[in-house]
PDB file of N, CA and C in Angstrom:
ATOM      1  N   PRO A   1       2.425  13.730 -10.925  1.00  0.00           N
ATOM      2  CA  PRO A   1       1.568  13.771  -9.745  1.00  0.00           C
ATOM      3  C   PRO A   1       1.988  12.732  -8.698  1.00  0.00           C
ATOM      4  N   ILE A   2       1.710  13.014  -7.486  1.00  0.00           N
ATOM      5  CA  ILE A   2       2.116  12.147  -6.380  1.00  0.00           C
ATOM      6  C   ILE A   2       1.408  10.797  -6.418  1.00  0.00           C
ATOM      7  N   ASP A   3       0.245  10.731  -7.047  1.00  0.00           N
ATOM      8  CA  ASP A   3      -0.508   9.471  -7.090  1.00  0.00           C
ATOM      9  C   ASP A   3      -0.230   8.635  -8.343  1.00  0.00           C
ATOM     10  N   THR A   4       0.828   8.952  -9.051  1.00  0.00           N
ATOM     11  CA  THR A   4       1.172   8.263 -10.291  1.00  0.00           C
ATOM     12  C   THR A   4       1.259   6.749 -10.124  1.00  0.00           C
ATOM     13  N   HIS A   5       1.771   6.280  -9.011  1.00  0.00           N
ATOM     14  CA  HIS A   5       2.017   4.847  -8.815  1.00  0.00           C
ATOM     15  C   HIS A   5       0.946   4.158  -7.973  1.00  0.00           C
ATOM     16  N   ASP A   6      -0.144   4.834  -7.720  1.00  0.00           N
ATOM     17  CA  ASP A   6      -1.202   4.234  -6.893  1.00  0.00           C
ATOM     18  C   ASP A   6      -1.779   2.961  -7.506  1.00  0.00           C
ATOM     19  N   ALA A   7      -1.884   2.906  -8.823  1.00  0.00           N
ATOM     20  CA  ALA A   7      -2.437   1.708  -9.472  1.00  0.00           C
ATOM     21  C   ALA A   7      -1.559   0.491  -9.196  1.00  0.00           C
ATOM     22  N   GLU A   8      -0.244   0.684  -9.197  1.00  0.00           N
ATOM     23  CA  GLU A   8       0.672  -0.426  -8.913  1.00  0.00           C
ATOM     24  C   GLU A   8       0.565  -0.860  -7.453  1.00  0.00           C
ATOM     25  N   ILE A   9       0.370   0.086  -6.571  1.00  0.00           N
ATOM     26  CA  ILE A   9       0.205  -0.244  -5.153  1.00  0.00           C
ATOM     27  C   ILE A   9      -1.118  -0.975  -4.947  1.00  0.00           C
ATOM     28  N   LEU A  10      -2.178  -0.492  -5.562  1.00  0.00           N
ATOM     29  CA  LEU A  10      -3.480  -1.155  -5.448  1.00  0.00           C
ATOM     30  C   LEU A  10      -3.442  -2.567  -6.026  1.00  0.00           C
ATOM     31  N   ALA A  11      -2.682  -2.773  -7.097  1.00  0.00           N
ATOM     32  CA  ALA A  11      -2.585  -4.094  -7.719  1.00  0.00           C
ATOM     33  C   ALA A  11      -1.931  -5.109  -6.786  1.00  0.00           C
ATOM     34  N   ALA A  12      -1.155  -4.631  -5.827  1.00  0.00           N
ATOM     35  CA  ALA A  12      -0.475  -5.521  -4.888  1.00  0.00           C
ATOM     36  C   ALA A  12      -1.355  -5.908  -3.709  1.00  0.00           C
ATOM     37  N   VAL A  13      -2.480  -5.238  -3.546  1.00  0.00           N
ATOM     38  CA  VAL A  13      -3.378  -5.496  -2.418  1.00  0.00           C
ATOM     39  C   VAL A  13      -4.462  -6.469  -2.866  1.00  0.00           C
ATOM     40  N   GLY A  14      -4.718  -7.473  -2.044  1.00  0.00           N
ATOM     41  CA  GLY A  14      -5.720  -8.470  -2.393  1.00  0.00           C
ATOM     42  C   GLY A  14      -7.069  -8.218  -1.746  1.00  0.00           C
ATOM     43  N   ASP A  15      -8.004  -9.103  -2.056  1.00  0.00           N
ATOM     44  CA  ASP A  15      -9.346  -9.027  -1.477  1.00  0.00           C
ATOM     45  C   ASP A  15      -9.374  -9.477  -0.020  1.00  0.00           C
ATOM     46  N   ASP A  16      -8.416 -10.328   0.355  1.00  0.00           N
ATOM     47  CA  ASP A  16      -8.333 -10.833   1.727  1.00  0.00           C
ATOM     48  C   ASP A  16      -7.234 -10.097   2.485  1.00  0.00           C
ATOM     49  N   TRP A  17      -7.343 -10.108   3.807  1.00  0.00           N
ATOM     50  CA  TRP A  17      -6.340  -9.447   4.640  1.00  0.00           C
ATOM     51  C   TRP A  17      -4.956 -10.017   4.343  1.00  0.00           C
ATOM     52  N   MET A  18      -3.989  -9.138   4.245  1.00  0.00           N
ATOM     53  CA  MET A  18      -2.607  -9.529   4.010  1.00  0.00           C
ATOM     54  C   MET A  18      -1.699  -8.566   4.761  1.00  0.00           C
ATOM     55  N   PRO A  19      -0.472  -9.002   5.097  1.00  0.00           N
ATOM     56  CA  PRO A  19       0.446  -8.090   5.774  1.00  0.00           C
ATOM     57  C   PRO A  19       0.727  -6.858   4.907  1.00  0.00           C
ATOM     58  N   ALA A  20       0.748  -5.718   5.529  1.00  0.00           N
ATOM     59  CA  ALA A  20       1.021  -4.485   4.784  1.00  0.00           C
ATOM     60  C   ALA A  20       2.396  -4.534   4.131  1.00  0.00           C
ATOM     61  N   GLY A  21       3.335  -5.213   4.772  1.00  0.00           N
ATOM     62  CA  GLY A  21       4.676  -5.326   4.199  1.00  0.00           C
ATOM     63  C   GLY A  21       4.682  -5.987   2.838  1.00  0.00           C
ATOM     64  N   ARG A  22       3.828  -6.964   2.644  1.00  0.00           N
ATOM     65  CA  ARG A  22       3.735  -7.629   1.344  1.00  0.00           C
ATOM     66  C   ARG A  22       3.133  -6.684   0.309  1.00  0.00           C
ATOM     67  N   ALA A  23       2.121  -5.941   0.720  1.00  0.00           N
ATOM     68  CA  ALA A  23       1.480  -4.998  -0.195  1.00  0.00           C
ATOM     69  C   ALA A  23       2.413  -3.856  -0.575  1.00  0.00           C
ATOM     70  N   VAL A  24       3.361  -3.550   0.275  1.00  0.00           N
ATOM     71  CA  VAL A  24       4.323  -2.481   0.018  1.00  0.00           C
ATOM     72  C   VAL A  24       5.527  -3.008  -0.761  1.00  0.00           C
ATOM     73  N   GLY A  25       5.957  -4.225  -0.451  1.00  0.00           N
ATOM     74  CA  GLY A  25       7.159  -4.779  -1.072  1.00  0.00           C
ATOM     75  C   GLY A  25       7.028  -5.027  -2.561  1.00  0.00           C
ATOM     76  N   ARG A  26       5.882  -5.498  -2.972  1.00  0.00           N
ATOM     77  CA  ARG A  26       5.699  -5.820  -4.391  1.00  0.00           C
ATOM     78  C   ARG A  26       5.859  -4.603  -5.298  1.00  0.00           C
ATOM     79  N   PRO A  27       5.171  -3.495  -5.034  1.00  0.00           N
ATOM     80  CA  PRO A  27       5.364  -2.339  -5.921  1.00  0.00           C
ATOM     81  C   PRO A  27       6.768  -1.742  -5.849  1.00  0.00           C
ATOM     82  N   MET A  28       7.459  -1.948  -4.741  1.00  0.00           N
ATOM     83  CA  MET A  28       8.833  -1.455  -4.660  1.00  0.00           C
ATOM     84  C   MET A  28       9.682  -2.082  -5.763  1.00  0.00           C
ATOM     85  N   GLY A  29       9.366  -3.324  -6.121  1.00  0.00           N
ATOM     86  CA  GLY A  29      10.122  -4.013  -7.159  1.00  0.00           C
ATOM     87  C   GLY A  29       9.618  -3.776  -8.571  1.00  0.00           C
ATOM     88  N   THR A  30       8.428  -3.233  -8.720  1.00  0.00           N
ATOM     89  CA  THR A  30       7.862  -3.059 -10.066  1.00  0.00           C
ATOM     90  C   THR A  30       7.813  -1.612 -10.541  1.00  0.00           C
ATOM     91  N   ILE A  31       7.851  -0.670  -9.633  1.00  0.00           N
ATOM     92  CA  ILE A  31       7.805   0.745 -10.030  1.00  0.00           C
ATOM     93  C   ILE A  31       9.131   1.115 -10.680  1.00  0.00           C
ATOM     94  N   THR A  32       9.057   1.674 -11.867  1.00  0.00           N
ATOM     95  CA  THR A  32      10.265   2.074 -12.586  1.00  0.00           C
ATOM     96  C   THR A  32      10.305   3.589 -12.750  1.00  0.00           C
ATOM     97  N   GLY A  33      11.510   4.103 -12.923  1.00  0.00           N
ATOM     98  CA  GLY A  33      11.684   5.530 -13.130  1.00  0.00           C
ATOM     99  C   GLY A  33      11.623   6.354 -11.861  1.00  0.00           C
ATOM    100  N   PHE A  34      11.548   5.666 -10.732  1.00  0.00           N
ATOM    101  CA  PHE A  34      11.419   6.342  -9.438  1.00  0.00           C
ATOM    102  C   PHE A  34      11.858   5.350  -8.373  1.00  0.00           C
ATOM    103  N   PHE A  35      12.663   5.780  -7.420  1.00  0.00           N
ATOM    104  CA  PHE A  35      13.102   4.894  -6.347  1.00  0.00           C
ATOM    105  C   PHE A  35      12.009   4.855  -5.289  1.00  0.00           C
ATOM    106  N   ALA A  36      11.151   3.871  -5.398  1.00  0.00           N
ATOM    107  CA  ALA A  36      10.006   3.745  -4.491  1.00  0.00           C
ATOM    108  C   ALA A  36      10.444   3.052  -3.202  1.00  0.00           C
ATOM    109  N   THR A  37      10.587   3.812  -2.151  1.00  0.00           N
ATOM    110  CA  THR A  37      10.987   3.250  -0.865  1.00  0.00           C
ATOM    111  C   THR A  37       9.784   2.649  -0.150  1.00  0.00           C
ATOM    112  N   ASP A  38      10.066   1.863   0.884  1.00  0.00           N
ATOM    113  CA  ASP A  38       8.971   1.302   1.676  1.00  0.00           C
ATOM    114  C   ASP A  38       8.175   2.421   2.343  1.00  0.00           C
ATOM    115  N   ALA A  39       8.854   3.470   2.777  1.00  0.00           N
ATOM    116  CA  ALA A  39       8.164   4.588   3.429  1.00  0.00           C
ATOM    117  C   ALA A  39       7.201   5.275   2.455  1.00  0.00           C
ATOM    118  N   PHE A  40       7.650   5.480   1.211  1.00  0.00           N
ATOM    119  CA  PHE A  40       6.778   6.114   0.214  1.00  0.00           C
ATOM    120  C   PHE A  40       5.569   5.243  -0.079  1.00  0.00           C
ATOM    121  N   CYS A  41       5.791   3.954  -0.345  1.00  0.00           N
ATOM    122  CA  CYS A  41       4.680   3.052  -0.688  1.00  0.00           C
ATOM    123  C   CYS A  41       3.707   2.906   0.480  1.00  0.00           C
ATOM    124  N   PHE A  42       4.230   2.850   1.700  1.00  0.00           N
ATOM    125  CA  PHE A  42       3.348   2.726   2.864  1.00  0.00           C
ATOM    126  C   PHE A  42       2.550   4.010   3.070  1.00  0.00           C
ATOM    127  N   TRP A  43       3.176   5.148   2.845  1.00  0.00           N
ATOM    128  CA  TRP A  43       2.459   6.427   2.937  1.00  0.00           C
ATOM    129  C   TRP A  43       1.326   6.478   1.916  1.00  0.00           C
ATOM    130  N   ARG A  44       1.617   6.063   0.668  1.00  0.00           N
ATOM    131  CA  ARG A  44       0.571   6.056  -0.356  1.00  0.00           C
ATOM    132  C   ARG A  44      -0.528   5.065   0.004  1.00  0.00           C
ATOM    133  N   LEU A  45      -0.164   3.930   0.585  1.00  0.00           N
ATOM    134  CA  LEU A  45      -1.160   2.948   1.010  1.00  0.00           C
ATOM    135  C   LEU A  45      -2.103   3.564   2.042  1.00  0.00           C
ATOM    136  N   ARG A  46      -1.545   4.323   2.973  1.00  0.00           N
ATOM    137  CA  ARG A  46      -2.389   5.000   3.968  1.00  0.00           C
ATOM    138  C   ARG A  46      -3.257   6.075   3.323  1.00  0.00           C
ATOM    139  N   GLN A  47      -2.754   6.738   2.306  1.00  0.00           N
ATOM    140  CA  GLN A  47      -3.557   7.725   1.586  1.00  0.00           C
ATOM    141  C   GLN A  47      -4.702   7.043   0.841  1.00  0.00           C
ATOM    142  N   LEU A  48      -4.429   5.873   0.286  1.00  0.00           N
ATOM    143  CA  LEU A  48      -5.477   5.106  -0.394  1.00  0.00           C
ATOM    144  C   LEU A  48      -6.540   4.653   0.602  1.00  0.00           C
ATOM    145  N   ALA A  49      -6.126   4.351   1.821  1.00  0.00           N
ATOM    146  CA  ALA A  49      -7.094   3.999   2.867  1.00  0.00           C
ATOM    147  C   ALA A  49      -7.955   5.213   3.210  1.00  0.00           C
ATOM    148  N   ALA A  50      -7.345   6.377   3.287  1.00  0.00           N
ATOM    149  CA  ALA A  50      -8.098   7.599   3.584  1.00  0.00           C
ATOM    150  C   ALA A  50      -9.107   7.916   2.474  1.00  0.00           C
ATOM    151  N   GLN A  51      -8.812   7.474   1.260  1.00  0.00           N
ATOM    152  CA  GLN A  51      -9.719   7.685   0.124  1.00  0.00           C
ATOM    153  C   GLN A  51     -10.772   6.586   0.026  1.00  0.00           C
ATOM    154  N   GLY A  52     -10.683   5.586   0.908  1.00  0.00           N
ATOM    155  CA  GLY A  52     -11.658   4.507   0.899  1.00  0.00           C
ATOM    156  C   GLY A  52     -11.388   3.411  -0.113  1.00  0.00           C
ATOM    157  N   LYS A  53     -10.188   3.363  -0.664  1.00  0.00           N
ATOM    158  CA  LYS A  53      -9.862   2.352  -1.671  1.00  0.00           C
ATOM    159  C   LYS A  53      -9.314   1.067  -1.066  1.00  0.00           C
ATOM    160  N   VAL A  54      -8.685   1.164   0.095  1.00  0.00           N
ATOM    161  CA  VAL A  54      -8.216  -0.011   0.828  1.00  0.00           C
ATOM    162  C   VAL A  54      -8.626   0.137   2.283  1.00  0.00           C
ATOM    163  N   GLU A  55      -8.610  -0.972   2.996  1.00  0.00           N
ATOM    164  CA  GLU A  55      -8.895  -0.962   4.430  1.00  0.00           C
ATOM    165  C   GLU A  55      -7.628  -1.364   5.167  1.00  0.00           C
ATOM    166  N   ILE A  56      -7.386  -0.735   6.296  1.00  0.00           N
ATOM    167  CA  ILE A  56      -6.240  -1.063   7.140  1.00  0.00           C
ATOM    168  C   ILE A  56      -6.763  -1.543   8.480  1.00  0.00           C
ATOM    169  N   GLU A  57      -6.210  -2.659   8.942  1.00  0.00           N
ATOM    170  CA  GLU A  57      -6.571  -3.221  10.244  1.00  0.00           C
ATOM    171  C   GLU A  57      -5.317  -3.233  11.108  1.00  0.00           C
ATOM    172  N   GLY A  58      -5.431  -2.764  12.325  1.00  0.00           N
ATOM    173  CA  GLY A  58      -4.282  -2.700  13.218  1.00  0.00           C
ATOM    174  C   GLY A  58      -3.718  -1.293  13.260  1.00  0.00           C
ATOM    175  N   SER A  59      -2.466  -1.189  13.656  1.00  0.00           N
ATOM    176  CA  SER A  59      -1.823   0.110  13.790  1.00  0.00           C
ATOM    177  C   SER A  59      -1.304   0.604  12.443  1.00  0.00           C
ATOM    178  N   PRO A  60      -1.841   1.701  11.928  1.00  0.00           N
ATOM    179  CA  PRO A  60      -1.385   2.207  10.636  1.00  0.00           C
ATOM    180  C   PRO A  60      -0.088   3.014  10.717  1.00  0.00           C
ATOM    181  N   THR A  61       0.572   2.978  11.865  1.00  0.00           N
ATOM    182  CA  THR A  61       1.803   3.757  11.999  1.00  0.00           C
ATOM    183  C   THR A  61       3.048   2.963  11.630  1.00  0.00           C
ATOM    184  N   THR A  62       2.946   1.638  11.577  1.00  0.00           N
ATOM    185  CA  THR A  62       4.097   0.821  11.189  1.00  0.00           C
ATOM    186  C   THR A  62       3.662  -0.248  10.196  1.00  0.00           C
ATOM    187  N   ILE A  63       4.534  -0.559   9.275  1.00  0.00           N
ATOM    188  CA  ILE A  63       4.232  -1.579   8.271  1.00  0.00           C
ATOM    189  C   ILE A  63       3.958  -2.920   8.940  1.00  0.00           C
ATOM    190  N   ARG A  64       4.732  -3.259   9.939  1.00  0.00           N
ATOM    191  CA  ARG A  64       4.573  -4.557  10.604  1.00  0.00           C
ATOM    192  C   ARG A  64       3.364  -4.607  11.527  1.00  0.00           C
ATOM    193  N   GLY A  65       2.792  -3.461  11.823  1.00  0.00           N
ATOM    194  CA  GLY A  65       1.699  -3.415  12.781  1.00  0.00           C
ATOM    195  C   GLY A  65       0.310  -3.495  12.185  1.00  0.00           C
ATOM    196  N   CYS A  66       0.214  -3.727  10.864  1.00  0.00           N
ATOM    197  CA  CYS A  66      -1.128  -3.741  10.278  1.00  0.00           C
ATOM    198  C   CYS A  66      -1.240  -4.690   9.093  1.00  0.00           C
ATOM    199  N   ARG A  67      -2.484  -4.917   8.737  1.00  0.00           N
ATOM    200  CA  ARG A  67      -2.823  -5.707   7.555  1.00  0.00           C
ATOM    201  C   ARG A  67      -3.717  -4.851   6.668  1.00  0.00           C
ATOM    202  N   VAL A  68      -3.750  -5.192   5.393  1.00  0.00           N
ATOM    203  CA  VAL A  68      -4.553  -4.421   4.444  1.00  0.00           C
ATOM    204  C   VAL A  68      -5.349  -5.348   3.530  1.00  0.00           C
ATOM    205  N   ARG A  69      -6.397  -4.800   2.940  1.00  0.00           N
ATOM    206  CA  ARG A  69      -7.161  -5.477   1.891  1.00  0.00           C
ATOM    207  C   ARG A  69      -7.860  -4.401   1.075  1.00  0.00           C
ATOM    208  N   LEU A  70      -8.321  -4.787  -0.110  1.00  0.00           N
ATOM    209  CA  LEU A  70      -9.097  -3.853  -0.917  1.00  0.00           C
ATOM    210  C   LEU A  70     -10.396  -3.540  -0.193  1.00  0.00           C
ATOM    211  N   ALA A  71     -10.862  -2.330  -0.335  1.00  0.00           N
ATOM    212  CA  ALA A  71     -12.105  -1.917   0.323  1.00  0.00           C
ATOM    213  C   ALA A  71     -13.272  -2.710  -0.243  1.00  0.00           C
ATOM    214  N   ARG A  72     -14.227  -2.991   0.616  1.00  0.00           N
ATOM    215  CA  ARG A  72     -15.405  -3.761   0.197  1.00  0.00           C
ATOM    216  C   ARG A  72     -16.597  -2.860   0.059  1.00  0.00           C
TER     217      ARG A  72
END
């Protein structure tokens, strides 16, 4: 399933605002069995935001343009 690695992406997101690049970079290094690109992880992060699991502040169109945190 496409959401197989969502738990690893969520584990990289903290309770406080953080750069989206940091939240994307960490799972890129821990996901195994699949070449997780920054584009894939950022897309999944945006999907998690659409599901209400994380919050995105700023422009969600670029990794450098936003910050993320776990949903409250």
